[in-house]
Amino acid sequence: MKWIAALALTMTTGCENPSVGIGTSIGVGGASVTPVVAGSIGGVGVAVSP
């Protein structure tokens, strides 16, 4: 989980409109939650989710 925080900090220093969110999904095995880091770098939208 520490690498996600480091990635979020790195992305926010070089991108426009940074945001951190939560992605959810429901499947056969149950519900799962994953962090999502998104923003724009050079006018291109970028999202990272493990």
PDB file of N, CA and C in Angstrom:
ATOM      1  N   MET A   1       0.814  -1.187   0.000  1.00  0.00           N
ATOM      2  CA  MET A   1       0.000   0.000   0.000  1.00  0.00           C
ATOM      3  C   MET A   1       0.866   1.263   0.000  1.00  0.00           C
ATOM      4  N   LYS A   2       2.093   1.151   0.507  1.00  0.00           N
ATOM      5  CA  LYS A   2       2.975   2.315   0.535  1.00  0.00           C
ATOM      6  C   LYS A   2       3.338   2.759  -0.876  1.00  0.00           C
ATOM      7  N   TRP A   3       3.460   1.815  -1.799  1.00  0.00           N
ATOM      8  CA  TRP A   3       3.833   2.197  -3.167  1.00  0.00           C
ATOM      9  C   TRP A   3       2.705   2.964  -3.835  1.00  0.00           C
ATOM     10  N   ILE A   4       1.467   2.721  -3.450  1.00  0.00           N
ATOM     11  CA  ILE A   4       0.342   3.471  -4.012  1.00  0.00           C
ATOM     12  C   ILE A   4       0.414   4.920  -3.554  1.00  0.00           C
ATOM     13  N   ALA A   5       0.739   5.131  -2.287  1.00  0.00           N
ATOM     14  CA  ALA A   5       0.876   6.493  -1.772  1.00  0.00           C
ATOM     15  C   ALA A   5       2.030   7.210  -2.463  1.00  0.00           C
ATOM     16  N   ALA A   6       3.136   6.511  -2.680  1.00  0.00           N
ATOM     17  CA  ALA A   6       4.279   7.105  -3.368  1.00  0.00           C
ATOM     18  C   ALA A   6       3.927   7.439  -4.816  1.00  0.00           C
ATOM     19  N   LEU A   7       3.202   6.556  -5.478  1.00  0.00           N
ATOM     20  CA  LEU A   7       2.775   6.802  -6.852  1.00  0.00           C
ATOM     21  C   LEU A   7       1.833   7.998  -6.925  1.00  0.00           C
ATOM     22  N   ALA A   8       0.910   8.091  -5.988  1.00  0.00           N
ATOM     23  CA  ALA A   8      -0.030   9.215  -5.957  1.00  0.00           C
ATOM     24  C   ALA A   8       0.712  10.530  -5.765  1.00  0.00           C
ATOM     25  N   LEU A   9       1.677  10.550  -4.869  1.00  0.00           N
ATOM     26  CA  LEU A   9       2.457  11.768  -4.636  1.00  0.00           C
ATOM     27  C   LEU A   9       3.262  12.140  -5.866  1.00  0.00           C
ATOM     28  N   THR A  10       3.871  11.169  -6.522  1.00  0.00           N
ATOM     29  CA  THR A  10       4.653  11.423  -7.731  1.00  0.00           C
ATOM     30  C   THR A  10       3.770  11.947  -8.854  1.00  0.00           C
ATOM     31  N   MET A  11       2.615  11.352  -9.044  1.00  0.00           N
ATOM     32  CA  MET A  11       1.712  11.793 -10.110  1.00  0.00           C
ATOM     33  C   MET A  11       1.186  13.193  -9.872  1.00  0.00           C
ATOM     34  N   THR A  12       0.889  13.533  -8.632  1.00  0.00           N
ATOM     35  CA  THR A  12       0.298  14.840  -8.361  1.00  0.00           C
ATOM     36  C   THR A  12       1.289  15.968  -8.574  1.00  0.00           C
ATOM     37  N   THR A  13       2.579  15.697  -8.499  1.00  0.00           N
ATOM     38  CA  THR A  13       3.554  16.761  -8.711  1.00  0.00           C
ATOM     39  C   THR A  13       3.699  17.125 -10.183  1.00  0.00           C
ATOM     40  N   GLY A  14       3.410  16.206 -11.103  1.00  0.00           N
ATOM     41  CA  GLY A  14       3.629  16.474 -12.511  1.00  0.00           C
ATOM     42  C   GLY A  14       2.379  16.464 -13.360  1.00  0.00           C
ATOM     43  N   CYS A  15       1.207  16.457 -12.779  1.00  0.00           N
ATOM     44  CA  CYS A  15       0.014  16.369 -13.609  1.00  0.00           C
ATOM     45  C   CYS A  15      -1.015  17.431 -13.250  1.00  0.00           C
ATOM     46  N   GLU A  16      -1.929  17.624 -14.172  1.00  0.00           N
ATOM     47  CA  GLU A  16      -3.037  18.545 -13.969  1.00  0.00           C
ATOM     48  C   GLU A  16      -4.255  17.759 -13.506  1.00  0.00           C
ATOM     49  N   ASN A  17      -5.083  18.370 -12.703  1.00  0.00           N
ATOM     50  CA  ASN A  17      -6.317  17.757 -12.214  1.00  0.00           C
ATOM     51  C   ASN A  17      -6.102  16.393 -11.559  1.00  0.00           C
ATOM     52  N   PRO A  18      -5.177  16.291 -10.597  1.00  0.00           N
ATOM     53  CA  PRO A  18      -4.967  14.990  -9.949  1.00  0.00           C
ATOM     54  C   PRO A  18      -6.171  14.600  -9.095  1.00  0.00           C
ATOM     55  N   SER A  19      -6.443  13.316  -9.030  1.00  0.00           N
ATOM     56  CA  SER A  19      -7.514  12.822  -8.164  1.00  0.00           C
ATOM     57  C   SER A  19      -7.204  11.413  -7.700  1.00  0.00           C
ATOM     58  N   VAL A  20      -7.712  11.083  -6.540  1.00  0.00           N
ATOM     59  CA  VAL A  20      -7.577   9.754  -5.974  1.00  0.00           C
ATOM     60  C   VAL A  20      -8.990   9.254  -5.699  1.00  0.00           C
ATOM     61  N   GLY A  21      -9.284   8.044  -6.120  1.00  0.00           N
ATOM     62  CA  GLY A  21     -10.627   7.517  -5.930  1.00  0.00           C
ATOM     63  C   GLY A  21     -10.612   6.054  -5.552  1.00  0.00           C
ATOM     64  N   ILE A  22     -11.792   5.481  -5.520  1.00  0.00           N
ATOM     65  CA  ILE A  22     -11.942   4.077  -5.160  1.00  0.00           C
ATOM     66  C   ILE A  22     -12.740   3.382  -6.251  1.00  0.00           C
ATOM     67  N   GLY A  23     -12.210   2.290  -6.757  1.00  0.00           N
ATOM     68  CA  GLY A  23     -12.926   1.473  -7.731  1.00  0.00           C
ATOM     69  C   GLY A  23     -13.524   0.268  -7.023  1.00  0.00           C
ATOM     70  N   THR A  24     -14.762  -0.027  -7.315  1.00  0.00           N
ATOM     71  CA  THR A  24     -15.410  -1.178  -6.692  1.00  0.00           C
ATOM     72  C   THR A  24     -15.888  -2.153  -7.763  1.00  0.00           C
ATOM     73  N   SER A  25     -15.909  -3.416  -7.420  1.00  0.00           N
ATOM     74  CA  SER A  25     -16.440  -4.430  -8.331  1.00  0.00           C
ATOM     75  C   SER A  25     -17.075  -5.541  -7.508  1.00  0.00           C
ATOM     76  N   ILE A  26     -18.096  -6.139  -8.080  1.00  0.00           N
ATOM     77  CA  ILE A  26     -18.792  -7.245  -7.425  1.00  0.00           C
ATOM     78  C   ILE A  26     -18.756  -8.441  -8.359  1.00  0.00           C
ATOM     79  N   GLY A  27     -18.227  -9.548  -7.873  1.00  0.00           N
ATOM     80  CA  GLY A  27     -18.123 -10.756  -8.683  1.00  0.00           C
ATOM     81  C   GLY A  27     -18.596 -11.968  -7.918  1.00  0.00           C
ATOM     82  N   VAL A  28     -18.272 -13.126  -8.458  1.00  0.00           N
ATOM     83  CA  VAL A  28     -18.681 -14.380  -7.838  1.00  0.00           C
ATOM     84  C   VAL A  28     -18.064 -14.535  -6.447  1.00  0.00           C
ATOM     85  N   GLY A  29     -16.838 -14.070  -6.298  1.00  0.00           N
ATOM     86  CA  GLY A  29     -16.147 -14.195  -5.021  1.00  0.00           C
ATOM     87  C   GLY A  29     -16.529 -13.132  -4.004  1.00  0.00           C
ATOM     88  N   GLY A  30     -17.377 -12.187  -4.368  1.00  0.00           N
ATOM     89  CA  GLY A  30     -17.779 -11.119  -3.451  1.00  0.00           C
ATOM     90  C   GLY A  30     -17.378  -9.756  -3.975  1.00  0.00           C
ATOM     91  N   ALA A  31     -17.427  -8.764  -3.137  1.00  0.00           N
ATOM     92  CA  ALA A  31     -17.099  -7.393  -3.503  1.00  0.00           C
ATOM     93  C   ALA A  31     -15.615  -7.125  -3.262  1.00  0.00           C
ATOM     94  N   SER A  32     -15.036  -6.262  -4.100  1.00  0.00           N
ATOM     95  CA  SER A  32     -13.655  -5.854  -3.899  1.00  0.00           C
ATOM     96  C   SER A  32     -13.530  -4.357  -4.138  1.00  0.00           C
ATOM     97  N   VAL A  33     -12.581  -3.746  -3.457  1.00  0.00           N
ATOM     98  CA  VAL A  33     -12.341  -2.310  -3.549  1.00  0.00           C
ATOM     99  C   VAL A  33     -10.877  -2.113  -3.887  1.00  0.00           C
ATOM    100  N   THR A  34     -10.591  -1.248  -4.872  1.00  0.00           N
ATOM    101  CA  THR A  34      -9.213  -0.950  -5.252  1.00  0.00           C
ATOM    102  C   THR A  34      -9.035   0.563  -5.365  1.00  0.00           C
ATOM    103  N   PRO A  35      -7.856   1.082  -4.993  1.00  0.00           N
ATOM    104  CA  PRO A  35      -7.606   2.511  -5.141  1.00  0.00           C
ATOM    105  C   PRO A  35      -7.319   2.859  -6.602  1.00  0.00           C
ATOM    106  N   VAL A  36      -7.678   4.080  -6.999  1.00  0.00           N
ATOM    107  CA  VAL A  36      -7.431   4.559  -8.354  1.00  0.00           C
ATOM    108  C   VAL A  36      -6.824   5.955  -8.257  1.00  0.00           C
ATOM    109  N   VAL A  37      -5.722   6.184  -8.968  1.00  0.00           N
ATOM    110  CA  VAL A  37      -5.088   7.494  -9.047  1.00  0.00           C
ATOM    111  C   VAL A  37      -5.207   7.945 -10.490  1.00  0.00           C
ATOM    112  N   ALA A  38      -5.723   9.160 -10.715  1.00  0.00           N
ATOM    113  CA  ALA A  38      -5.938   9.646 -12.076  1.00  0.00           C
ATOM    114  C   ALA A  38      -5.510  11.103 -12.197  1.00  0.00           C
ATOM    115  N   GLY A  39      -5.271  11.530 -13.437  1.00  0.00           N
ATOM    116  CA  GLY A  39      -4.914  12.908 -13.718  1.00  0.00           C
ATOM    117  C   GLY A  39      -4.609  13.081 -15.177  1.00  0.00           C
ATOM    118  N   SER A  40      -4.148  14.272 -15.567  1.00  0.00           N
ATOM    119  CA  SER A  40      -3.762  14.569 -16.949  1.00  0.00           C
ATOM    120  C   SER A  40      -2.299  14.944 -16.982  1.00  0.00           C
ATOM    121  N   ILE A  41      -1.571  14.328 -17.877  1.00  0.00           N
ATOM    122  CA  ILE A  41      -0.162  14.651 -18.071  1.00  0.00           C
ATOM    123  C   ILE A  41       0.016  15.040 -19.532  1.00  0.00           C
ATOM    124  N   GLY A  42       0.349  16.305 -19.770  1.00  0.00           N
ATOM    125  CA  GLY A  42       0.515  16.790 -21.137  1.00  0.00           C
ATOM    126  C   GLY A  42      -0.763  16.705 -21.951  1.00  0.00           C
ATOM    127  N   GLY A  43      -1.914  16.863 -21.322  1.00  0.00           N
ATOM    128  CA  GLY A  43      -3.185  16.820 -22.016  1.00  0.00           C
ATOM    129  C   GLY A  43      -3.737  15.411 -22.249  1.00  0.00           C
ATOM    130  N   VAL A  44      -3.031  14.414 -21.766  1.00  0.00           N
ATOM    131  CA  VAL A  44      -3.477  13.027 -21.929  1.00  0.00           C
ATOM    132  C   VAL A  44      -3.948  12.504 -20.576  1.00  0.00           C
ATOM    133  N   GLY A  45      -5.145  11.934 -20.533  1.00  0.00           N
ATOM    134  CA  GLY A  45      -5.675  11.374 -19.293  1.00  0.00           C
ATOM    135  C   GLY A  45      -4.960  10.098 -18.918  1.00  0.00           C
ATOM    136  N   VAL A  46      -4.592   9.981 -17.650  1.00  0.00           N
ATOM    137  CA  VAL A  46      -3.868   8.807 -17.156  1.00  0.00           C
ATOM    138  C   VAL A  46      -4.550   8.329 -15.877  1.00  0.00           C
ATOM    139  N   ALA A  47      -4.799   7.030 -15.777  1.00  0.00           N
ATOM    140  CA  ALA A  47      -5.351   6.435 -14.561  1.00  0.00           C
ATOM    141  C   ALA A  47      -4.564   5.178 -14.224  1.00  0.00           C
ATOM    142  N   VAL A  48      -4.262   5.017 -12.945  1.00  0.00           N
ATOM    143  CA  VAL A  48      -3.495   3.860 -12.492  1.00  0.00           C
ATOM    144  C   VAL A  48      -4.288   3.151 -11.394  1.00  0.00           C
ATOM    145  N   SER A  49      -4.476   1.860 -11.549  1.00  0.00           N
ATOM    146  CA  SER A  49      -5.151   1.051 -10.549  1.00  0.00           C
ATOM    147  C   SER A  49      -4.437  -0.305 -10.482  1.00  0.00           C
ATOM    148  N   PRO A  50      -4.069  -0.729  -9.266  1.00  0.00           N
ATOM    149  CA  PRO A  50      -3.342  -2.001  -9.168  1.00  0.00           C
ATOM    150  C   PRO A  50      -4.211  -3.204  -9.491  1.00  0.00           C
TER     151      PRO A  50
END
